[in-house]
N, C-alpha and C. Protein backbone atom coordinates (compact mmCIF):
# COMPACT_ATOMS: atom_id res chain seq x y z
N MET A 1 5.11 -71.07 60.73
CA MET A 1 6.33 -71.76 60.77
C MET A 1 7.25 -70.57 61.37
N LEU A 2 8.04 -70.87 62.41
CA LEU A 2 8.75 -70.04 63.17
C LEU A 2 9.94 -69.29 62.28
N SER A 3 10.45 -68.31 62.55
CA SER A 3 11.46 -67.76 61.80
C SER A 3 12.66 -68.38 62.18
N ASN A 4 13.93 -68.23 61.48
CA ASN A 4 15.01 -69.15 61.98
C ASN A 4 15.68 -68.63 63.14
N THR A 5 15.55 -67.25 63.46
CA THR A 5 15.89 -66.64 64.69
C THR A 5 15.20 -67.26 65.92
N MET A 6 13.98 -67.25 65.47
CA MET A 6 13.13 -67.86 66.86
C MET A 6 13.33 -69.37 67.00
N SER A 7 13.45 -70.01 66.01
CA SER A 7 13.65 -71.42 65.82
C SER A 7 14.91 -71.66 66.74
N PHE A 8 15.91 -70.97 66.51
CA PHE A 8 17.33 -71.06 66.98
C PHE A 8 17.24 -70.80 68.74
N LEU A 9 16.44 -69.68 68.97
CA LEU A 9 16.33 -69.34 70.31
C LEU A 9 15.59 -70.45 70.92
N TYR A 10 14.59 -70.74 70.49
CA TYR A 10 13.59 -72.03 70.99
C TYR A 10 14.58 -73.41 71.10
N MET A 11 15.35 -73.59 70.37
CA MET A 11 16.47 -74.88 70.30
C MET A 11 17.17 -74.38 71.60
N ILE A 12 17.65 -73.29 71.92
CA ILE A 12 18.76 -73.10 73.06
C ILE A 12 17.76 -73.24 74.14
N GLU A 13 16.70 -72.88 74.61
CA GLU A 13 15.82 -73.02 75.59
C GLU A 13 15.28 -74.38 75.99
N HIS A 14 15.15 -75.06 74.69
CA HIS A 14 14.68 -76.34 75.02
C HIS A 14 15.23 -77.70 74.81
N THR A 15 16.79 -77.48 74.46
CA THR A 15 17.43 -78.51 73.88
C THR A 15 17.89 -79.63 74.96
N LYS A 16 17.71 -80.75 74.76
CA LYS A 16 17.91 -81.78 76.22
C LYS A 16 19.39 -81.52 76.50
N MET A 17 19.80 -81.62 77.71
CA MET A 17 21.24 -81.60 78.20
C MET A 17 21.31 -82.37 79.56
N THR A 18 21.95 -83.40 79.38
CA THR A 18 22.52 -84.36 80.02
C THR A 18 23.83 -84.08 80.59
N LYS A 19 24.46 -83.52 79.69
CA LYS A 19 25.74 -82.79 80.01
C LYS A 19 25.90 -81.45 79.42
N SER A 20 26.88 -80.75 79.93
CA SER A 20 27.04 -79.23 79.12
C SER A 20 27.66 -79.39 77.97
N TYR A 21 28.12 -80.30 77.11
CA TYR A 21 28.65 -80.26 75.97
C TYR A 21 28.19 -79.39 74.92
N LYS A 22 26.65 -79.31 74.75
CA LYS A 22 26.42 -78.28 73.85
C LYS A 22 26.83 -76.86 74.12
N GLY A 23 26.77 -76.47 75.24
CA GLY A 23 27.06 -75.17 75.85
C GLY A 23 28.43 -74.57 74.69
N PRO A 24 29.65 -75.36 75.28
CA PRO A 24 30.94 -74.90 74.71
C PRO A 24 30.70 -74.87 73.23
N VAL A 25 30.17 -75.89 72.80
CA VAL A 25 29.89 -75.93 70.95
C VAL A 25 29.35 -74.57 70.55
N LEU A 26 27.81 -74.55 71.40
CA LEU A 26 27.46 -73.20 70.73
C LEU A 26 28.09 -72.08 71.02
N LEU A 27 28.72 -71.90 72.22
CA LEU A 27 29.14 -70.61 72.39
C LEU A 27 30.30 -70.39 71.36
N SER A 28 31.11 -71.60 71.25
CA SER A 28 32.38 -71.40 70.53
C SER A 28 31.97 -70.68 68.82
N LEU A 29 30.62 -70.89 68.56
CA LEU A 29 30.11 -69.96 67.46
C LEU A 29 30.35 -68.60 67.29
N PHE A 30 30.03 -67.99 68.94
CA PHE A 30 29.64 -66.72 68.80
C PHE A 30 30.81 -65.95 69.52
N GLN A 31 32.01 -66.50 69.43
CA GLN A 31 33.15 -65.91 70.37
C GLN A 31 34.17 -65.16 69.34
N GLY A 32 34.74 -64.12 69.86
CA GLY A 32 35.83 -63.32 69.15
C GLY A 32 35.68 -63.49 67.83
N ASN A 33 36.60 -63.82 67.03
CA ASN A 33 36.62 -63.82 65.85
C ASN A 33 35.76 -64.91 64.99
N MET A 34 35.00 -65.62 65.61
CA MET A 34 34.01 -66.48 65.01
C MET A 34 32.68 -65.94 64.55
N ILE A 35 32.94 -64.89 63.94
CA ILE A 35 31.84 -64.06 63.64
C ILE A 35 31.07 -64.60 62.44
N SER A 36 31.52 -65.76 61.76
CA SER A 36 30.58 -66.34 60.87
C SER A 36 30.03 -67.13 61.21
N GLY A 37 29.87 -67.75 62.30
CA GLY A 37 28.82 -68.98 62.78
C GLY A 37 29.26 -70.08 62.52
N LYS A 38 30.64 -70.44 62.18
CA LYS A 38 31.36 -71.53 62.11
C LYS A 38 32.72 -71.68 62.81
N ILE A 39 33.01 -73.19 62.90
CA ILE A 39 34.05 -73.15 63.55
C ILE A 39 34.88 -74.74 62.89
N THR A 40 36.16 -74.77 62.91
CA THR A 40 36.73 -76.13 62.60
C THR A 40 36.67 -77.06 63.78
N ILE A 41 36.76 -78.25 63.41
CA ILE A 41 36.88 -79.31 64.47
C ILE A 41 38.19 -79.00 65.46
N ASP A 42 39.33 -78.56 64.90
CA ASP A 42 40.53 -78.34 65.63
C ASP A 42 40.20 -77.17 66.55
N GLU A 43 39.64 -75.81 65.99
CA GLU A 43 39.37 -75.06 66.81
C GLU A 43 38.32 -75.14 67.88
N LEU A 44 37.45 -75.92 67.95
CA LEU A 44 36.51 -76.64 68.46
C LEU A 44 37.04 -77.27 69.78
N MET A 45 38.01 -78.17 69.36
CA MET A 45 38.54 -78.87 70.38
C MET A 45 39.42 -77.92 71.37
N GLU A 46 40.08 -76.95 70.78
CA GLU A 46 40.70 -76.10 71.78
C GLU A 46 39.81 -75.29 72.69
N TYR A 47 38.39 -74.92 72.18
CA TYR A 47 37.73 -74.37 73.03
C TYR A 47 37.13 -75.01 73.87
N PHE A 48 36.89 -76.41 73.51
CA PHE A 48 36.46 -77.53 74.62
C PHE A 48 37.28 -77.44 75.82
N LYS A 49 38.76 -77.57 75.56
CA LYS A 49 39.62 -77.69 76.37
C LYS A 49 39.84 -76.53 77.56
N HIS A 50 39.74 -75.30 76.91
CA HIS A 50 39.47 -73.92 77.45
C HIS A 50 38.10 -73.99 78.43
N PHE A 51 36.95 -74.35 77.83
CA PHE A 51 35.98 -74.42 78.56
C PHE A 51 35.97 -75.15 79.85
N TYR A 52 36.36 -76.59 79.77
CA TYR A 52 36.63 -77.34 80.84
C TYR A 52 37.62 -77.32 81.82
N ALA A 53 38.58 -76.17 81.40
CA ALA A 53 39.54 -76.08 82.34
C ALA A 53 39.04 -75.19 83.52
N ASP A 54 38.08 -74.77 83.44
CA ASP A 54 37.15 -73.81 84.45
C ASP A 54 36.96 -74.83 85.45
N PRO A 55 37.38 -74.90 86.76
CA PRO A 55 36.97 -75.75 87.89
C PRO A 55 35.22 -75.94 87.64
N LYS A 56 34.78 -75.01 87.89
CA LYS A 56 33.27 -74.95 87.83
C LYS A 56 32.61 -75.90 86.64
N HIS A 57 33.07 -75.48 85.35
CA HIS A 57 32.56 -76.39 84.24
C HIS A 57 33.12 -78.01 84.58
N ARG A 58 34.37 -78.15 84.94
CA ARG A 58 34.93 -79.24 84.95
C ARG A 58 34.06 -80.27 85.90
N LEU A 59 33.26 -79.40 86.81
CA LEU A 59 32.25 -80.47 87.72
C LEU A 59 31.62 -81.41 86.80
N ASP A 60 31.22 -81.08 85.47
CA ASP A 60 30.40 -81.99 84.69
C ASP A 60 31.32 -83.27 84.07
N LEU A 61 32.75 -83.26 84.42
CA LEU A 61 33.36 -84.27 83.72
C LEU A 61 33.88 -85.05 84.79
N ASN A 62 33.06 -85.45 86.04
CA ASN A 62 33.08 -85.95 87.11
C ASN A 62 32.76 -87.64 87.09
N ASP A 63 32.79 -88.19 85.88
CA ASP A 63 32.45 -89.54 85.89
C ASP A 63 33.54 -90.29 85.14
N LEU A 64 33.19 -91.73 85.08
CA LEU A 64 34.46 -92.67 84.55
C LEU A 64 34.67 -92.21 82.95
N ILE A 65 33.51 -91.91 82.28
CA ILE A 65 33.79 -91.74 80.91
C ILE A 65 34.93 -90.76 80.82
N HIS A 66 34.97 -89.65 81.44
CA HIS A 66 35.92 -88.47 81.48
C HIS A 66 37.27 -88.75 82.28
N GLU A 67 37.29 -89.82 82.86
CA GLU A 67 38.72 -90.21 83.56
C GLU A 67 40.00 -89.67 82.55
N ASP A 68 40.74 -88.99 83.54
CA ASP A 68 42.01 -88.45 82.72
C ASP A 68 41.75 -87.60 81.47
N PHE A 69 40.80 -86.91 81.54
CA PHE A 69 40.19 -86.16 80.24
C PHE A 69 41.50 -85.14 79.89
N ASP A 70 42.12 -84.76 80.75
CA ASP A 70 43.40 -83.79 80.42
C ASP A 70 44.39 -84.60 79.67
N LYS A 71 44.36 -85.82 79.67
CA LYS A 71 45.33 -86.52 78.96
C LYS A 71 44.84 -87.30 77.62
N TRP A 72 43.70 -86.95 77.51
CA TRP A 72 43.00 -87.54 75.92
C TRP A 72 43.76 -86.91 75.04
N SER A 73 43.85 -88.01 73.97
CA SER A 73 44.63 -87.43 72.70
C SER A 73 43.78 -86.53 71.94
N ASN A 74 44.13 -85.89 70.76
CA ASN A 74 43.16 -85.03 69.98
C ASN A 74 42.23 -85.92 69.26
N ASP A 75 42.59 -87.23 68.91
CA ASP A 75 41.88 -88.23 68.24
C ASP A 75 40.77 -88.84 69.26
N GLN A 76 41.00 -88.79 70.40
CA GLN A 76 39.89 -89.06 71.45
C GLN A 76 38.92 -88.10 71.56
N LEU A 77 39.45 -86.44 71.99
CA LEU A 77 38.58 -85.41 71.85
C LEU A 77 37.78 -85.13 70.94
N LYS A 78 38.50 -85.36 69.52
CA LYS A 78 37.69 -85.10 68.44
C LYS A 78 36.45 -86.19 68.10
N SER A 79 36.74 -87.35 68.53
CA SER A 79 35.76 -88.40 68.58
C SER A 79 34.59 -87.96 69.49
N HIS A 80 35.10 -87.79 70.65
CA HIS A 80 34.07 -87.28 71.64
C HIS A 80 33.04 -86.20 71.49
N ILE A 81 33.82 -85.28 70.87
CA ILE A 81 32.79 -84.01 70.22
C ILE A 81 32.01 -84.33 69.28
N ILE A 82 32.50 -85.14 68.07
CA ILE A 82 31.70 -85.43 67.14
C ILE A 82 30.54 -86.40 67.50
N ARG A 83 30.75 -87.68 68.49
CA ARG A 83 29.90 -88.32 68.62
C ARG A 83 28.73 -87.71 69.60
N ASN A 84 29.27 -86.94 70.40
CA ASN A 84 28.05 -86.31 71.50
C ASN A 84 27.57 -85.07 70.93
N PRO A 85 28.04 -83.78 71.47
CA PRO A 85 27.27 -82.84 71.19
C PRO A 85 27.06 -82.27 69.55
N ILE A 86 27.90 -82.45 68.74
CA ILE A 86 27.94 -82.47 67.30
C ILE A 86 26.58 -83.39 66.93
N SER A 87 26.70 -84.48 67.05
CA SER A 87 25.90 -85.63 66.40
C SER A 87 24.41 -85.23 67.46
N ALA A 88 24.33 -84.75 68.55
CA ALA A 88 23.27 -84.48 69.28
C ALA A 88 22.33 -83.13 68.62
N LEU A 89 23.01 -82.21 68.25
CA LEU A 89 22.71 -81.01 67.76
C LEU A 89 22.19 -81.39 66.51
N LEU A 90 22.88 -82.04 65.46
CA LEU A 90 22.62 -82.27 64.20
C LEU A 90 21.05 -83.17 64.18
N ASN A 91 21.18 -84.15 65.21
CA ASN A 91 19.99 -85.27 65.43
C ASN A 91 18.70 -84.38 65.63
N THR A 92 18.75 -83.38 66.53
CA THR A 92 17.57 -82.61 66.83
C THR A 92 17.31 -81.28 66.06
N SER A 93 18.20 -80.88 65.56
CA SER A 93 18.32 -79.39 64.82
C SER A 93 18.98 -79.37 63.65
N SER A 94 18.76 -80.27 62.63
CA SER A 94 19.56 -80.34 61.41
C SER A 94 19.13 -79.08 60.42
N GLU A 95 17.94 -78.48 60.91
CA GLU A 95 17.87 -77.39 59.96
C GLU A 95 18.44 -76.19 60.28
N LEU A 96 19.07 -76.13 61.23
CA LEU A 96 19.83 -75.24 62.07
C LEU A 96 21.32 -75.26 61.74
N PHE A 97 21.92 -76.24 61.94
CA PHE A 97 23.39 -76.82 61.70
C PHE A 97 23.71 -77.71 60.65
N TYR A 98 25.09 -77.41 60.40
CA TYR A 98 25.71 -78.48 59.60
C TYR A 98 27.09 -78.91 59.94
N PHE A 99 27.66 -80.09 59.69
CA PHE A 99 29.15 -80.38 59.81
C PHE A 99 29.44 -81.01 58.58
N LEU A 100 30.39 -80.68 58.11
CA LEU A 100 30.86 -80.74 56.69
C LEU A 100 32.52 -80.69 56.62
N ASN A 101 33.25 -81.51 56.08
CA ASN A 101 34.52 -81.32 56.06
C ASN A 101 35.30 -81.00 57.18
N GLU A 102 34.79 -81.43 58.46
CA GLU A 102 35.33 -81.27 59.72
C GLU A 102 34.99 -79.74 60.06
N GLU A 103 34.17 -79.12 59.61
CA GLU A 103 33.81 -77.71 60.04
C GLU A 103 32.31 -78.04 60.49
N PHE A 104 32.00 -77.20 61.78
CA PHE A 104 30.60 -77.31 62.50
C PHE A 104 30.03 -76.01 62.31
N GLY A 105 28.97 -75.83 61.79
CA GLY A 105 28.58 -74.20 61.69
C GLY A 105 27.21 -74.14 61.90
N ILE A 106 26.43 -73.05 61.86
CA ILE A 106 25.22 -72.61 61.77
C ILE A 106 24.89 -72.41 60.08
N LYS A 107 23.91 -73.04 59.64
CA LYS A 107 23.56 -72.88 58.34
C LYS A 107 23.59 -71.46 57.85
N GLN A 108 23.95 -71.37 56.66
CA GLN A 108 24.00 -69.72 56.23
C GLN A 108 22.88 -69.15 56.48
N GLU A 109 21.65 -69.54 55.89
CA GLU A 109 20.52 -68.67 55.91
C GLU A 109 20.05 -68.36 57.27
N VAL A 110 20.29 -69.35 58.39
CA VAL A 110 19.95 -69.24 59.60
C VAL A 110 20.92 -68.24 60.25
N TYR A 111 22.14 -68.33 59.93
CA TYR A 111 22.96 -67.01 60.59
C TYR A 111 22.89 -65.87 59.99
N GLU A 112 22.47 -65.93 58.80
CA GLU A 112 22.10 -64.40 57.86
C GLU A 112 20.96 -63.95 58.66
N ASP A 113 19.83 -64.91 59.05
CA ASP A 113 18.80 -64.45 59.81
C ASP A 113 19.04 -63.78 61.26
N LEU A 114 19.98 -64.25 61.74
CA LEU A 114 20.47 -64.02 63.19
C LEU A 114 20.83 -62.67 62.98
N ILE A 115 21.74 -62.46 62.14
CA ILE A 115 22.49 -61.19 61.91
C ILE A 115 21.44 -60.10 61.58
N HIS A 116 20.28 -60.28 60.37
CA HIS A 116 19.68 -59.39 60.16
C HIS A 116 18.96 -59.09 61.36
N ASP A 117 18.13 -60.03 62.24
CA ASP A 117 17.32 -59.79 63.38
C ASP A 117 18.25 -59.00 64.72
N ASN A 118 19.60 -58.60 64.21
CA ASN A 118 20.34 -58.28 65.27
C ASN A 118 20.24 -59.18 66.78
N ALA A 119 20.41 -60.39 66.52
CA ALA A 119 20.18 -61.46 67.43
C ALA A 119 21.31 -62.07 68.18
N LEU A 120 22.61 -62.03 67.58
CA LEU A 120 23.72 -62.42 67.96
C LEU A 120 24.19 -62.35 69.38
N ASP A 121 23.98 -61.23 69.99
CA ASP A 121 24.27 -61.10 71.57
C ASP A 121 23.11 -61.88 72.37
N ILE A 122 21.90 -61.61 71.86
CA ILE A 122 20.76 -62.39 72.50
C ILE A 122 21.04 -63.79 72.58
N VAL A 123 21.41 -64.18 71.22
CA VAL A 123 21.73 -65.65 71.31
C VAL A 123 22.85 -66.06 72.40
N GLU A 124 23.89 -65.51 72.24
CA GLU A 124 25.00 -65.69 73.20
C GLU A 124 24.63 -65.71 74.46
N GLU A 125 23.73 -64.40 74.82
CA GLU A 125 23.31 -64.41 76.42
C GLU A 125 22.38 -65.46 76.76
N LYS A 126 21.55 -66.33 75.85
CA LYS A 126 20.64 -67.30 76.12
C LYS A 126 21.60 -68.44 76.31
N ILE A 127 22.58 -68.75 75.65
CA ILE A 127 23.52 -69.73 75.73
C ILE A 127 24.19 -69.84 77.27
N TYR A 128 24.58 -68.44 77.53
CA TYR A 128 24.97 -68.31 78.97
C TYR A 128 24.36 -68.69 80.22
N GLN A 129 23.04 -68.13 79.82
CA GLN A 129 21.92 -68.31 80.69
C GLN A 129 21.45 -69.76 80.87
N ARG A 130 21.44 -70.49 79.72
CA ARG A 130 21.12 -71.96 79.81
C ARG A 130 22.04 -72.86 80.59
N LEU A 131 23.45 -72.43 80.38
CA LEU A 131 24.51 -73.10 81.13
C LEU A 131 24.53 -72.82 82.54
N ALA A 132 24.16 -71.63 82.73
CA ALA A 132 24.32 -71.22 84.34
C ALA A 132 22.94 -71.78 84.88
N ASN A 133 21.86 -71.86 84.37
CA ASN A 133 20.78 -72.57 84.85
C ASN A 133 21.06 -74.12 84.91
N TYR A 134 21.92 -74.81 84.22
CA TYR A 134 22.36 -76.44 84.07
C TYR A 134 23.14 -76.53 85.34
N PHE A 135 24.12 -75.66 85.37
CA PHE A 135 25.32 -75.96 86.73
C PHE A 135 24.41 -75.39 87.77
N SER A 136 23.64 -74.64 87.87
CA SER A 136 23.08 -74.33 88.97
C SER A 136 21.81 -75.43 89.59
N ASN A 137 21.26 -76.01 88.52
CA ASN A 137 20.40 -77.20 88.90
C ASN A 137 21.28 -78.49 89.50
N LYS A 138 22.40 -78.56 88.55
CA LYS A 138 22.98 -79.99 88.95
C LYS A 138 23.90 -79.89 89.81
N PHE A 139 24.72 -78.81 89.93
CA PHE A 139 25.83 -78.76 90.95
C PHE A 139 25.63 -77.92 91.86
N LYS A 140 24.59 -76.97 91.88
CA LYS A 140 24.46 -75.88 92.97
C LYS A 140 25.58 -74.58 93.02
N VAL A 141 26.19 -74.73 91.54
CA VAL A 141 27.03 -73.83 91.59
C VAL A 141 26.45 -72.46 90.84
N VAL A 142 27.38 -71.38 91.00
CA VAL A 142 26.85 -70.33 90.23
C VAL A 142 27.96 -69.75 89.27
N LEU A 143 27.41 -69.80 88.05
CA LEU A 143 28.70 -69.54 86.94
C LEU A 143 28.83 -67.94 86.95
């Protein structure tokens, strides 16, 4: 059986990405004061808005589903985030993540293993690499 750290790294490298949604969700868990590996849905919505404000990232919102993304209500964005990246991560990696009381995070024992293995920086780097590969392959842009 793989360690929690290895399972987490494997998930990053092998998770299916038809859109880049999982990237900002995962990155939000490792940014700044998010040292606990969890984030409220309200904080996640703000991170999502910030992430997709970047013109390169915005390329991934070029379809009818995302029309008027800047004008979406908080309820629309919240529903979208829960329905897409959060549900997808929970469906494929429920042993790593939880979503409870409007908080998404890495399960405590997994997060503790990431800390114990000094892997937080490696995980964050792998997420950035995965996003860079996604945008390079799909849009031929360099992040």
